[in-house]
Amino acid sequence: MPRKAASAAPRPPLPRYRPDLSFETAFGPGRRVCGIDEVGRGPLAGPVVAAAVVLPPEGLPPEIAALIDDSKALARRLREEIEPAIRAHALAFAIAEASAREIDELNIHKATLLAMKRAYLALPGAAPDAALIDGKFVPDLGCEAVAVVKGDSRSQSIAAASILAKVARDSEMLRLSATHPHYGWDRNAGYPTPEHLAALGVHGVTPHHRVSFAPVARQKALTG
């Protein structure tokens, strides 16, 4: 009888690397570096929110650094537990936004860069010497700036900014859901879930919707 092929041994899981300070330290000693990230490019409603964070040269305490990651990779409860620690240990941080109206006027790309620039300019204390920006594009900041693709999973300061921005935006959408409860913004944060799209068809467009986004534009055309 032919032998059965031996089953391959299960592969061990790949190690999960946390964001570190490699990009920050690459600027050289004594440089004040901020990480910048945004949240909310894809939703149909609400602002796009950006945060800027300056961490100490040694970064976050090890017990916090071991938990930090791209905000999308963290459970909501963990994000909300980490966020106060980031605020407490950061040398400086700021949160800013571009509104739904600004998104419609400028487009989402330009509005995102605007929110990032506002967060940078709102940082208290000495201006950063350099900035690390999540993604491929860099806003006009007036300092040395480097775009880092997937930076929120690679740079500790960008990851910290992503968590602050995510918690702030979720809080804002929770606040807006209190006056517009039909859309489920407390659960979907304005993203185009089936619940949100169905409510858009029934209850129409609010002042917080982005009318330049196709599903909202279609509904707006139907109802005027």
N, C-alpha and C. Protein backbone atom coordinates (compact mmCIF):
# COMPACT_ATOMS: atom_id res chain seq x y z
N MET A 1 0.84 -1.19 0.00
CA MET A 1 0.00 0.00 0.00
C MET A 1 0.88 1.24 0.00
N PRO A 2 0.45 2.28 -0.73
CA PRO A 2 1.26 3.51 -0.72
C PRO A 2 1.21 4.18 0.64
N ARG A 3 2.36 4.73 0.99
CA ARG A 3 2.42 5.43 2.27
C ARG A 3 1.66 6.75 2.20
N LYS A 4 1.04 7.06 3.32
CA LYS A 4 0.41 8.37 3.42
C LYS A 4 1.49 9.43 3.62
N ALA A 5 1.27 10.56 2.97
CA ALA A 5 2.22 11.66 3.15
C ALA A 5 2.15 12.16 4.58
N ALA A 6 3.31 12.36 5.14
CA ALA A 6 3.34 12.86 6.52
C ALA A 6 2.79 14.28 6.56
N SER A 7 1.94 14.52 7.54
CA SER A 7 1.37 15.87 7.67
C SER A 7 2.44 16.82 8.19
N ALA A 8 2.42 18.00 7.63
CA ALA A 8 3.42 19.00 8.02
C ALA A 8 3.20 19.42 9.47
N ALA A 9 4.29 19.60 10.16
CA ALA A 9 4.19 20.06 11.54
C ALA A 9 3.64 21.48 11.56
N PRO A 10 2.78 21.80 12.52
CA PRO A 10 2.24 23.17 12.58
C PRO A 10 3.34 24.19 12.78
N ARG A 11 3.24 25.26 12.05
CA ARG A 11 4.24 26.31 12.18
C ARG A 11 3.99 27.13 13.44
N PRO A 12 5.04 27.48 14.13
CA PRO A 12 4.83 28.33 15.31
C PRO A 12 4.36 29.71 14.86
N PRO A 13 3.53 30.36 15.67
CA PRO A 13 3.06 31.69 15.29
C PRO A 13 4.22 32.67 15.18
N LEU A 14 4.12 33.57 14.22
CA LEU A 14 5.14 34.59 14.07
C LEU A 14 5.10 35.53 15.26
N PRO A 15 6.27 35.99 15.72
CA PRO A 15 6.26 36.91 16.85
C PRO A 15 5.58 38.23 16.48
N ARG A 16 4.89 38.81 17.43
CA ARG A 16 4.18 40.07 17.20
C ARG A 16 5.06 41.21 17.69
N TYR A 17 5.58 41.97 16.77
CA TYR A 17 6.45 43.07 17.13
C TYR A 17 5.62 44.31 17.43
N ARG A 18 5.97 44.98 18.51
CA ARG A 18 5.29 46.21 18.88
C ARG A 18 6.03 47.41 18.30
N PRO A 19 5.32 48.51 18.09
CA PRO A 19 6.00 49.73 17.62
C PRO A 19 7.11 50.13 18.58
N ASP A 20 8.22 50.59 18.04
CA ASP A 20 9.35 50.97 18.87
C ASP A 20 9.81 52.38 18.53
N LEU A 21 10.99 52.73 18.97
CA LEU A 21 11.51 54.09 18.80
C LEU A 21 12.58 54.19 17.72
N SER A 22 12.64 53.20 16.83
CA SER A 22 13.68 53.19 15.80
C SER A 22 13.62 54.43 14.92
N PHE A 23 12.43 54.81 14.51
CA PHE A 23 12.30 55.98 13.63
C PHE A 23 12.61 57.27 14.39
N GLU A 24 12.20 57.32 15.65
CA GLU A 24 12.45 58.52 16.45
C GLU A 24 13.95 58.73 16.67
N THR A 25 14.65 57.66 17.06
CA THR A 25 16.07 57.80 17.38
C THR A 25 16.91 58.02 16.12
N ALA A 26 16.38 57.67 14.95
CA ALA A 26 17.12 57.88 13.72
C ALA A 26 17.38 59.35 13.42
N PHE A 27 16.61 60.24 14.03
CA PHE A 27 16.83 61.68 13.83
C PHE A 27 18.06 62.17 14.60
N GLY A 28 18.54 61.38 15.53
CA GLY A 28 19.73 61.77 16.28
C GLY A 28 19.40 62.18 17.70
N PRO A 29 20.40 62.19 18.58
CA PRO A 29 20.15 62.51 20.00
C PRO A 29 19.72 63.97 20.17
N GLY A 30 18.88 64.16 21.18
CA GLY A 30 18.47 65.52 21.54
C GLY A 30 17.41 66.12 20.65
N ARG A 31 16.92 65.38 19.66
CA ARG A 31 15.89 65.92 18.77
C ARG A 31 14.51 65.68 19.39
N ARG A 32 13.67 66.69 19.34
CA ARG A 32 12.28 66.58 19.83
C ARG A 32 11.42 66.13 18.64
N VAL A 33 10.92 64.91 18.71
CA VAL A 33 10.21 64.29 17.59
C VAL A 33 8.77 64.03 17.97
N CYS A 34 7.85 64.38 17.08
CA CYS A 34 6.44 64.07 17.33
C CYS A 34 5.95 63.04 16.31
N GLY A 35 5.02 62.22 16.74
CA GLY A 35 4.33 61.30 15.85
C GLY A 35 2.93 61.83 15.58
N ILE A 36 2.48 61.70 14.35
CA ILE A 36 1.16 62.22 13.96
C ILE A 36 0.40 61.13 13.22
N ASP A 37 -0.86 60.97 13.59
CA ASP A 37 -1.73 60.02 12.89
C ASP A 37 -3.15 60.57 12.87
N GLU A 38 -3.95 60.01 11.97
CA GLU A 38 -5.34 60.43 11.84
C GLU A 38 -6.27 59.22 11.96
N VAL A 39 -7.52 59.52 12.24
CA VAL A 39 -8.57 58.51 12.28
C VAL A 39 -9.80 59.11 11.62
N GLY A 40 -10.47 58.31 10.79
CA GLY A 40 -11.76 58.76 10.26
C GLY A 40 -11.76 59.19 8.82
N ARG A 41 -10.91 58.61 7.99
CA ARG A 41 -10.97 58.94 6.57
C ARG A 41 -12.18 58.30 5.89
N GLY A 42 -12.56 57.10 6.33
CA GLY A 42 -13.58 56.34 5.62
C GLY A 42 -15.03 56.53 6.00
N PRO A 43 -15.34 57.08 7.17
CA PRO A 43 -16.75 57.19 7.55
C PRO A 43 -17.56 58.12 6.65
N LEU A 44 -18.87 57.94 6.69
CA LEU A 44 -19.79 58.80 5.96
C LEU A 44 -20.18 60.03 6.77
N ALA A 45 -19.85 60.03 8.04
CA ALA A 45 -20.26 61.13 8.91
C ALA A 45 -19.18 61.42 9.93
N GLY A 46 -19.22 62.66 10.43
CA GLY A 46 -18.28 63.07 11.47
C GLY A 46 -16.98 63.60 10.92
N PRO A 47 -16.15 64.15 11.80
CA PRO A 47 -14.88 64.75 11.39
C PRO A 47 -13.82 63.70 11.14
N VAL A 48 -12.74 64.13 10.49
CA VAL A 48 -11.49 63.38 10.51
C VAL A 48 -10.65 63.98 11.63
N VAL A 49 -10.12 63.14 12.50
CA VAL A 49 -9.43 63.59 13.71
C VAL A 49 -7.97 63.17 13.64
N ALA A 50 -7.09 64.08 14.02
CA ALA A 50 -5.65 63.80 14.05
C ALA A 50 -5.10 64.10 15.44
N ALA A 51 -4.05 63.39 15.80
CA ALA A 51 -3.35 63.65 17.05
C ALA A 51 -1.86 63.72 16.78
N ALA A 52 -1.19 64.53 17.57
CA ALA A 52 0.27 64.64 17.54
C ALA A 52 0.78 64.35 18.95
N VAL A 53 1.83 63.55 19.06
CA VAL A 53 2.36 63.14 20.37
C VAL A 53 3.88 63.24 20.36
N VAL A 54 4.42 63.88 21.39
CA VAL A 54 5.86 63.89 21.63
C VAL A 54 6.13 63.03 22.85
N LEU A 55 6.89 61.96 22.67
CA LEU A 55 7.21 61.07 23.78
C LEU A 55 8.58 61.42 24.36
N PRO A 56 8.85 61.03 25.59
CA PRO A 56 10.20 61.19 26.14
C PRO A 56 11.20 60.38 25.31
N PRO A 57 12.48 60.73 25.38
CA PRO A 57 13.48 59.98 24.60
C PRO A 57 13.45 58.47 24.86
N GLU A 58 13.13 58.09 26.09
CA GLU A 58 13.08 56.66 26.44
C GLU A 58 11.75 56.01 26.07
N GLY A 59 10.82 56.82 25.56
CA GLY A 59 9.52 56.29 25.17
C GLY A 59 8.59 56.08 26.35
N LEU A 60 7.57 55.30 26.12
CA LEU A 60 6.60 55.00 27.16
C LEU A 60 7.15 53.96 28.13
N PRO A 61 6.62 53.91 29.37
CA PRO A 61 7.05 52.87 30.30
C PRO A 61 6.85 51.48 29.69
N PRO A 62 7.72 50.53 30.02
CA PRO A 62 7.65 49.20 29.38
C PRO A 62 6.28 48.55 29.46
N GLU A 63 5.59 48.72 30.59
CA GLU A 63 4.29 48.06 30.71
C GLU A 63 3.25 48.66 29.77
N ILE A 64 3.41 49.92 29.39
CA ILE A 64 2.52 50.54 28.42
C ILE A 64 2.99 50.26 27.00
N ALA A 65 4.30 50.34 26.79
CA ALA A 65 4.86 50.05 25.46
C ALA A 65 4.54 48.63 25.01
N ALA A 66 4.41 47.70 25.96
CA ALA A 66 4.11 46.31 25.62
C ALA A 66 2.69 46.14 25.10
N LEU A 67 1.83 47.12 25.38
CA LEU A 67 0.43 47.05 24.97
C LEU A 67 0.13 47.88 23.74
N ILE A 68 0.96 48.87 23.47
CA ILE A 68 0.63 49.85 22.45
C ILE A 68 0.76 49.25 21.05
N ASP A 69 -0.09 49.73 20.14
CA ASP A 69 -0.10 49.23 18.77
C ASP A 69 -0.96 50.18 17.95
N ASP A 70 -1.03 49.91 16.66
CA ASP A 70 -1.99 50.61 15.81
C ASP A 70 -3.36 50.52 16.48
N SER A 71 -4.05 51.65 16.59
CA SER A 71 -5.33 51.67 17.32
C SER A 71 -6.34 50.70 16.75
N LYS A 72 -6.28 50.44 15.43
CA LYS A 72 -7.24 49.53 14.81
C LYS A 72 -7.02 48.09 15.26
N ALA A 73 -5.81 47.78 15.74
CA ALA A 73 -5.50 46.42 16.18
C ALA A 73 -5.85 46.18 17.64
N LEU A 74 -6.30 47.22 18.34
CA LEU A 74 -6.60 47.11 19.76
C LEU A 74 -8.10 47.13 20.01
N ALA A 75 -8.53 46.36 20.98
CA ALA A 75 -9.94 46.40 21.38
C ALA A 75 -10.26 47.76 21.98
N ARG A 76 -11.50 48.15 21.86
CA ARG A 76 -11.91 49.47 22.34
C ARG A 76 -11.59 49.66 23.83
N ARG A 77 -11.86 48.63 24.62
CA ARG A 77 -11.61 48.75 26.06
C ARG A 77 -10.12 48.97 26.34
N LEU A 78 -9.24 48.27 25.60
CA LEU A 78 -7.81 48.44 25.81
C LEU A 78 -7.36 49.82 25.38
N ARG A 79 -7.87 50.31 24.25
CA ARG A 79 -7.53 51.68 23.83
C ARG A 79 -7.88 52.69 24.91
N GLU A 80 -9.06 52.53 25.49
CA GLU A 80 -9.50 53.48 26.50
C GLU A 80 -8.72 53.36 27.81
N GLU A 81 -8.14 52.17 28.06
CA GLU A 81 -7.28 52.01 29.24
C GLU A 81 -5.90 52.62 29.01
N ILE A 82 -5.39 52.49 27.80
CA ILE A 82 -4.05 52.99 27.48
C ILE A 82 -4.03 54.51 27.32
N GLU A 83 -5.09 55.06 26.78
CA GLU A 83 -5.12 56.48 26.41
C GLU A 83 -4.73 57.42 27.55
N PRO A 84 -5.26 57.26 28.78
CA PRO A 84 -4.83 58.16 29.86
C PRO A 84 -3.34 58.04 30.19
N ALA A 85 -2.78 56.83 30.05
CA ALA A 85 -1.36 56.64 30.32
C ALA A 85 -0.51 57.37 29.29
N ILE A 86 -0.94 57.36 28.03
CA ILE A 86 -0.22 58.10 27.00
C ILE A 86 -0.22 59.59 27.33
N ARG A 87 -1.38 60.10 27.68
CA ARG A 87 -1.49 61.51 28.06
C ARG A 87 -0.56 61.84 29.24
N ALA A 88 -0.52 60.93 30.21
CA ALA A 88 0.25 61.19 31.43
C ALA A 88 1.76 61.18 31.17
N HIS A 89 2.21 60.32 30.26
CA HIS A 89 3.65 60.15 30.06
C HIS A 89 4.21 60.94 28.89
N ALA A 90 3.36 61.41 28.00
CA ALA A 90 3.85 62.18 26.85
C ALA A 90 4.42 63.52 27.32
N LEU A 91 5.45 63.99 26.64
CA LEU A 91 5.97 65.34 26.90
C LEU A 91 4.98 66.39 26.41
N ALA A 92 4.28 66.06 25.33
CA ALA A 92 3.27 66.97 24.78
C ALA A 92 2.35 66.16 23.87
N PHE A 93 1.10 66.60 23.79
CA PHE A 93 0.18 66.00 22.83
C PHE A 93 -0.89 67.03 22.48
N ALA A 94 -1.50 66.84 21.32
CA ALA A 94 -2.61 67.70 20.88
C ALA A 94 -3.49 66.90 19.95
N ILE A 95 -4.78 67.25 19.96
CA ILE A 95 -5.77 66.60 19.11
C ILE A 95 -6.52 67.68 18.35
N ALA A 96 -6.72 67.45 17.06
CA ALA A 96 -7.42 68.43 16.22
C ALA A 96 -8.27 67.69 15.20
N GLU A 97 -9.08 68.43 14.48
CA GLU A 97 -9.96 67.79 13.51
C GLU A 97 -10.21 68.71 12.31
N ALA A 98 -10.74 68.10 11.27
CA ALA A 98 -11.35 68.83 10.17
C ALA A 98 -12.78 68.34 10.08
N SER A 99 -13.71 69.26 9.98
CA SER A 99 -15.14 68.94 10.06
C SER A 99 -15.64 68.28 8.78
N ALA A 100 -16.85 67.73 8.86
CA ALA A 100 -17.49 67.16 7.67
C ALA A 100 -17.62 68.21 6.57
N ARG A 101 -17.94 69.43 6.94
CA ARG A 101 -18.06 70.49 5.94
C ARG A 101 -16.72 70.76 5.28
N GLU A 102 -15.65 70.79 6.06
CA GLU A 102 -14.33 71.00 5.48
C GLU A 102 -13.92 69.84 4.58
N ILE A 103 -14.30 68.63 4.96
CA ILE A 103 -14.03 67.47 4.12
C ILE A 103 -14.72 67.63 2.77
N ASP A 104 -15.97 68.09 2.78
CA ASP A 104 -16.71 68.30 1.53
C ASP A 104 -16.12 69.42 0.70
N GLU A 105 -15.63 70.46 1.36
CA GLU A 105 -15.08 71.61 0.64
C GLU A 105 -13.70 71.32 0.06
N LEU A 106 -12.89 70.56 0.80
CA LEU A 106 -11.49 70.37 0.42
C LEU A 106 -11.22 69.05 -0.28
N ASN A 107 -11.90 68.02 0.09
CA ASN A 107 -11.77 66.58 -0.17
C ASN A 107 -11.09 65.94 1.04
N ILE A 108 -11.26 64.64 1.17
CA ILE A 108 -10.82 63.97 2.39
C ILE A 108 -9.29 63.98 2.52
N HIS A 109 -8.58 63.90 1.42
CA HIS A 109 -7.12 63.92 1.50
C HIS A 109 -6.61 65.25 2.07
N LYS A 110 -7.06 66.35 1.51
CA LYS A 110 -6.60 67.66 1.97
C LYS A 110 -7.09 67.94 3.39
N ALA A 111 -8.30 67.50 3.71
CA ALA A 111 -8.82 67.71 5.07
C ALA A 111 -8.02 66.92 6.09
N THR A 112 -7.57 65.73 5.72
CA THR A 112 -6.74 64.93 6.62
C THR A 112 -5.43 65.63 6.91
N LEU A 113 -4.78 66.14 5.87
CA LEU A 113 -3.53 66.87 6.07
C LEU A 113 -3.75 68.14 6.90
N LEU A 114 -4.91 68.77 6.72
CA LEU A 114 -5.24 69.96 7.52
C LEU A 114 -5.37 69.60 8.99
N ALA A 115 -6.08 68.52 9.29
CA ALA A 115 -6.24 68.08 10.69
C ALA A 115 -4.89 67.75 11.30
N MET A 116 -4.01 67.11 10.53
CA MET A 116 -2.68 66.79 11.03
C MET A 116 -1.89 68.06 11.34
N LYS A 117 -1.95 69.02 10.44
CA LYS A 117 -1.23 70.28 10.65
C LYS A 117 -1.77 71.01 11.87
N ARG A 118 -3.08 71.00 12.06
CA ARG A 118 -3.68 71.65 13.23
C ARG A 118 -3.20 70.99 14.51
N ALA A 119 -3.13 69.66 14.52
CA ALA A 119 -2.65 68.96 15.72
C ALA A 119 -1.20 69.33 16.01
N TYR A 120 -0.39 69.36 14.97
CA TYR A 120 1.02 69.74 15.14
C TYR A 120 1.14 71.15 15.71
N LEU A 121 0.40 72.09 15.13
CA LEU A 121 0.50 73.48 15.57
C LEU A 121 -0.05 73.70 16.97
N ALA A 122 -0.92 72.79 17.42
CA ALA A 122 -1.53 72.92 18.74
C ALA A 122 -0.67 72.32 19.85
N LEU A 123 0.44 71.67 19.50
CA LEU A 123 1.29 71.08 20.53
C LEU A 123 1.81 72.15 21.48
N PRO A 124 1.69 71.94 22.78
CA PRO A 124 2.24 72.92 23.73
C PRO A 124 3.75 72.79 23.85
N GLY A 125 4.39 73.85 24.33
CA GLY A 125 5.83 73.81 24.56
C GLY A 125 6.63 74.05 23.31
N ALA A 126 7.88 73.65 23.35
CA ALA A 126 8.79 73.87 22.23
C ALA A 126 8.31 73.11 20.99
N ALA A 127 8.47 73.75 19.85
CA ALA A 127 8.07 73.10 18.59
C ALA A 127 8.97 71.90 18.33
N PRO A 128 8.41 70.81 17.80
CA PRO A 128 9.24 69.64 17.49
C PRO A 128 10.29 69.97 16.43
N ASP A 129 11.42 69.28 16.52
CA ASP A 129 12.46 69.39 15.50
C ASP A 129 12.11 68.57 14.27
N ALA A 130 11.30 67.54 14.47
CA ALA A 130 10.97 66.63 13.37
C ALA A 130 9.64 65.96 13.67
N ALA A 131 9.03 65.44 12.60
CA ALA A 131 7.73 64.78 12.74
C ALA A 131 7.72 63.49 11.93
N LEU A 132 7.08 62.48 12.49
CA LEU A 132 6.83 61.21 11.81
C LEU A 132 5.34 61.15 11.50
N ILE A 133 5.00 60.97 10.23
CA ILE A 133 3.61 61.01 9.79
C ILE A 133 3.20 59.63 9.31
N ASP A 134 2.10 59.12 9.80
CA ASP A 134 1.61 57.84 9.32
C ASP A 134 1.12 57.97 7.88
N GLY A 135 1.51 57.03 7.02
CA GLY A 135 1.01 57.03 5.65
C GLY A 135 2.07 57.41 4.64
N LYS A 136 1.61 57.94 3.50
CA LYS A 136 2.50 58.26 2.38
C LYS A 136 2.68 59.76 2.16
N PHE A 137 1.86 60.56 2.82
CA PHE A 137 1.85 61.99 2.53
C PHE A 137 2.19 62.80 3.79
N VAL A 138 2.80 63.94 3.58
CA VAL A 138 3.27 64.79 4.67
C VAL A 138 2.62 66.16 4.55
N PRO A 139 1.97 66.64 5.61
CA PRO A 139 1.45 68.02 5.59
C PRO A 139 2.59 69.02 5.68
N ASP A 140 2.30 70.25 5.33
CA ASP A 140 3.28 71.32 5.40
C ASP A 140 3.39 71.78 6.86
N LEU A 141 4.44 71.33 7.53
CA LEU A 141 4.58 71.59 8.97
C LEU A 141 5.65 72.63 9.30
N GLY A 142 6.56 72.87 8.38
CA GLY A 142 7.64 73.80 8.68
C GLY A 142 8.78 73.18 9.47
N CYS A 143 8.81 71.85 9.56
CA CYS A 143 9.93 71.16 10.20
C CYS A 143 10.24 69.93 9.37
N GLU A 144 11.35 69.28 9.68
CA GLU A 144 11.68 68.03 9.00
C GLU A 144 10.57 67.02 9.26
N ALA A 145 10.07 66.37 8.22
CA ALA A 145 8.96 65.44 8.37
C ALA A 145 9.17 64.23 7.47
N VAL A 146 8.83 63.07 7.98
CA VAL A 146 9.02 61.81 7.26
C VAL A 146 7.71 61.03 7.30
N ALA A 147 7.25 60.61 6.13
CA ALA A 147 6.07 59.74 6.05
C ALA A 147 6.49 58.30 6.27
N VAL A 148 5.75 57.58 7.09
CA VAL A 148 6.07 56.19 7.41
C VAL A 148 4.85 55.33 7.09
N VAL A 149 4.94 54.53 6.05
CA VAL A 149 3.84 53.64 5.68
C VAL A 149 3.62 52.62 6.81
N LYS A 150 2.38 52.46 7.20
CA LYS A 150 2.03 51.60 8.35
C LYS A 150 2.77 52.04 9.60
N GLY A 151 2.97 53.33 9.71
CA GLY A 151 3.72 53.87 10.84
C GLY A 151 3.08 53.61 12.18
N ASP A 152 1.74 53.47 12.20
CA ASP A 152 1.07 53.24 13.47
C ASP A 152 1.35 51.86 14.04
N SER A 153 1.93 50.97 13.26
CA SER A 153 2.35 49.67 13.78
C SER A 153 3.86 49.55 13.85
N ARG A 154 4.58 50.67 13.58
CA ARG A 154 6.05 50.63 13.54
C ARG A 154 6.69 51.65 14.48
N SER A 155 6.08 52.79 14.62
CA SER A 155 6.64 53.88 15.43
C SER A 155 5.81 54.05 16.70
N GLN A 156 6.48 54.09 17.83
CA GLN A 156 5.75 54.21 19.10
C GLN A 156 5.01 55.54 19.22
N SER A 157 5.62 56.62 18.75
CA SER A 157 4.94 57.91 18.87
C SER A 157 3.76 58.01 17.91
N ILE A 158 3.87 57.43 16.70
CA ILE A 158 2.72 57.41 15.79
C ILE A 158 1.61 56.54 16.35
N ALA A 159 1.97 55.38 16.90
CA ALA A 159 0.97 54.50 17.51
C ALA A 159 0.25 55.21 18.65
N ALA A 160 1.01 55.94 19.47
CA ALA A 160 0.39 56.69 20.57
C ALA A 160 -0.59 57.73 20.01
N ALA A 161 -0.19 58.41 18.93
CA ALA A 161 -1.08 59.40 18.32
C ALA A 161 -2.33 58.74 17.76
N SER A 162 -2.19 57.55 17.18
CA SER A 162 -3.35 56.87 16.61
C SER A 162 -4.36 56.51 17.70
N ILE A 163 -3.87 56.14 18.88
CA ILE A 163 -4.77 55.79 19.98
C ILE A 163 -5.49 57.02 20.49
N LEU A 164 -4.77 58.13 20.68
CA LEU A 164 -5.42 59.36 21.13
C LEU A 164 -6.47 59.82 20.13
N ALA A 165 -6.14 59.77 18.84
CA ALA A 165 -7.08 60.21 17.81
C ALA A 165 -8.31 59.31 17.77
N LYS A 166 -8.11 58.01 17.88
CA LYS A 166 -9.23 57.07 17.82
C LYS A 166 -10.17 57.24 19.01
N VAL A 167 -9.62 57.34 20.19
CA VAL A 167 -10.46 57.51 21.37
C VAL A 167 -11.23 58.84 21.30
N ALA A 168 -10.55 59.90 20.84
CA ALA A 168 -11.21 61.20 20.73
C ALA A 168 -12.33 61.16 19.70
N ARG A 169 -12.09 60.53 18.56
CA ARG A 169 -13.14 60.49 17.53
C ARG A 169 -14.31 59.63 17.96
N ASP A 170 -14.03 58.47 18.56
CA ASP A 170 -15.12 57.62 19.06
C ASP A 170 -15.98 58.38 20.07
N SER A 171 -15.34 59.16 20.93
CA SER A 171 -16.07 59.95 21.92
C SER A 171 -16.95 60.99 21.24
N GLU A 172 -16.43 61.62 20.20
CA GLU A 172 -17.22 62.62 19.47
C GLU A 172 -18.41 61.97 18.77
N MET A 173 -18.21 60.81 18.17
CA MET A 173 -19.34 60.14 17.50
C MET A 173 -20.37 59.64 18.52
N LEU A 174 -19.93 59.27 19.70
CA LEU A 174 -20.86 58.92 20.78
C LEU A 174 -21.70 60.13 21.16
N ARG A 175 -21.04 61.29 21.25
CA ARG A 175 -21.76 62.53 21.57
C ARG A 175 -22.78 62.87 20.49
N LEU A 176 -22.40 62.75 19.23
CA LEU A 176 -23.31 63.07 18.13
C LEU A 176 -24.47 62.08 18.05
N SER A 177 -24.22 60.85 18.47
CA SER A 177 -25.28 59.84 18.41
C SER A 177 -26.42 60.13 19.38
N ALA A 178 -26.12 60.92 20.40
CA ALA A 178 -27.17 61.26 21.36
C ALA A 178 -28.26 62.11 20.72
N THR A 179 -27.88 62.95 19.75
CA THR A 179 -28.88 63.79 19.07
C THR A 179 -29.32 63.19 17.74
N HIS A 180 -28.60 62.20 17.25
CA HIS A 180 -28.97 61.51 16.00
C HIS A 180 -28.89 60.00 16.25
N PRO A 181 -29.80 59.44 17.05
CA PRO A 181 -29.66 58.06 17.51
C PRO A 181 -29.93 56.98 16.46
N HIS A 182 -30.54 57.35 15.34
CA HIS A 182 -30.98 56.33 14.38
C HIS A 182 -29.83 55.69 13.61
N TYR A 183 -28.68 56.32 13.56
CA TYR A 183 -27.62 55.89 12.65
C TYR A 183 -26.62 54.92 13.28
N GLY A 184 -26.71 54.72 14.58
CA GLY A 184 -25.81 53.79 15.25
C GLY A 184 -24.38 54.27 15.35
N TRP A 185 -24.18 55.58 15.39
CA TRP A 185 -22.80 56.11 15.42
C TRP A 185 -22.05 55.72 16.67
N ASP A 186 -22.74 55.42 17.75
CA ASP A 186 -22.07 54.96 18.96
C ASP A 186 -21.46 53.57 18.76
N ARG A 187 -21.93 52.86 17.74
CA ARG A 187 -21.43 51.51 17.45
C ARG A 187 -20.56 51.48 16.20
N ASN A 188 -20.92 52.26 15.17
CA ASN A 188 -20.20 52.17 13.89
C ASN A 188 -19.29 53.37 13.62
N ALA A 189 -19.30 54.38 14.51
CA ALA A 189 -18.42 55.55 14.39
C ALA A 189 -18.59 56.28 13.06
N GLY A 190 -19.75 56.11 12.43
CA GLY A 190 -20.01 56.80 11.17
C GLY A 190 -19.61 56.03 9.93
N TYR A 191 -19.04 54.84 10.10
CA TYR A 191 -18.64 54.05 8.94
C TYR A 191 -19.88 53.49 8.23
N PRO A 192 -19.74 53.13 6.95
CA PRO A 192 -20.92 52.72 6.16
C PRO A 192 -21.35 51.28 6.42
N THR A 193 -21.76 51.00 7.63
CA THR A 193 -22.28 49.68 7.97
C THR A 193 -23.70 49.53 7.41
N PRO A 194 -24.20 48.31 7.29
CA PRO A 194 -25.59 48.14 6.84
C PRO A 194 -26.59 48.94 7.69
N GLU A 195 -26.35 48.98 9.00
CA GLU A 195 -27.23 49.75 9.89
C GLU A 195 -27.23 51.23 9.52
N HIS A 196 -26.04 51.77 9.30
CA HIS A 196 -25.93 53.20 8.97
C HIS A 196 -26.56 53.49 7.62
N LEU A 197 -26.29 52.65 6.63
CA LEU A 197 -26.83 52.88 5.29
C LEU A 197 -28.35 52.78 5.28
N ALA A 198 -28.89 51.82 6.04
CA ALA A 198 -30.35 51.68 6.11
C ALA A 198 -30.97 52.91 6.76
N ALA A 199 -30.37 53.40 7.84
CA ALA A 199 -30.88 54.59 8.52
C ALA A 199 -30.78 55.82 7.63
N LEU A 200 -29.74 55.88 6.83
CA LEU A 200 -29.59 57.00 5.90
C LEU A 200 -30.76 57.04 4.92
N GLY A 201 -31.18 55.87 4.45
CA GLY A 201 -32.31 55.80 3.53
C GLY A 201 -33.63 56.18 4.18
N VAL A 202 -33.77 55.88 5.46
CA VAL A 202 -35.03 56.14 6.16
C VAL A 202 -35.08 57.55 6.74
N HIS A 203 -34.01 57.98 7.36
CA HIS A 203 -34.01 59.24 8.11
C HIS A 203 -33.30 60.38 7.40
N GLY A 204 -32.61 60.09 6.32
CA GLY A 204 -32.00 61.15 5.53
C GLY A 204 -30.64 61.60 6.03
N VAL A 205 -30.20 62.70 5.45
CA VAL A 205 -28.86 63.22 5.68
C VAL A 205 -28.88 64.25 6.80
N THR A 206 -27.89 64.16 7.71
CA THR A 206 -27.77 65.12 8.80
C THR A 206 -26.68 66.15 8.46
N PRO A 207 -26.58 67.22 9.24
CA PRO A 207 -25.49 68.18 9.02
C PRO A 207 -24.10 67.59 9.25
N HIS A 208 -24.04 66.42 9.89
CA HIS A 208 -22.75 65.80 10.18
C HIS A 208 -22.32 64.80 9.12
N HIS A 209 -23.17 64.57 8.12
CA HIS A 209 -22.81 63.67 7.03
C HIS A 209 -21.92 64.38 6.01
N ARG A 210 -21.10 63.58 5.34
CA ARG A 210 -20.20 64.09 4.30
C ARG A 210 -20.89 63.93 2.95
N VAL A 211 -21.43 65.01 2.45
CA VAL A 211 -22.25 64.92 1.23
C VAL A 211 -21.39 64.67 -0.02
N SER A 212 -20.08 64.78 0.09
CA SER A 212 -19.21 64.46 -1.04
C SER A 212 -18.94 62.96 -1.16
N PHE A 213 -19.36 62.17 -0.17
CA PHE A 213 -19.20 60.73 -0.21
C PHE A 213 -20.40 60.10 -0.91
N ALA A 214 -20.15 59.14 -1.79
CA ALA A 214 -21.17 58.66 -2.72
C ALA A 214 -22.50 58.23 -2.08
N PRO A 215 -22.50 57.39 -1.03
CA PRO A 215 -23.80 56.98 -0.47
C PRO A 215 -24.62 58.16 0.06
N VAL A 216 -23.93 59.15 0.63
CA VAL A 216 -24.63 60.32 1.15
C VAL A 216 -25.10 61.19 -0.01
N ALA A 217 -24.26 61.35 -1.02
CA ALA A 217 -24.63 62.15 -2.20
C ALA A 217 -25.87 61.56 -2.88
N ARG A 218 -25.92 60.23 -2.98
CA ARG A 218 -27.10 59.61 -3.61
C ARG A 218 -28.35 59.89 -2.81
N GLN A 219 -28.27 59.76 -1.48
CA GLN A 219 -29.43 60.02 -0.65
C GLN A 219 -29.83 61.49 -0.71
N LYS A 220 -28.86 62.35 -0.73
CA LYS A 220 -29.11 63.80 -0.83
C LYS A 220 -29.84 64.13 -2.13
N ALA A 221 -29.45 63.47 -3.22
CA ALA A 221 -30.09 63.70 -4.52
C ALA A 221 -31.53 63.25 -4.52
N LEU A 222 -31.82 62.20 -3.74
CA LEU A 222 -33.19 61.70 -3.68
C LEU A 222 -34.12 62.59 -2.88
N THR A 223 -33.58 63.16 -1.81
CA THR A 223 -34.42 63.93 -0.88
C THR A 223 -34.26 65.43 -1.04
N GLY A 224 -33.21 65.87 -1.72
CA GLY A 224 -33.00 67.30 -1.93
C GLY A 224 -32.36 67.98 -0.74
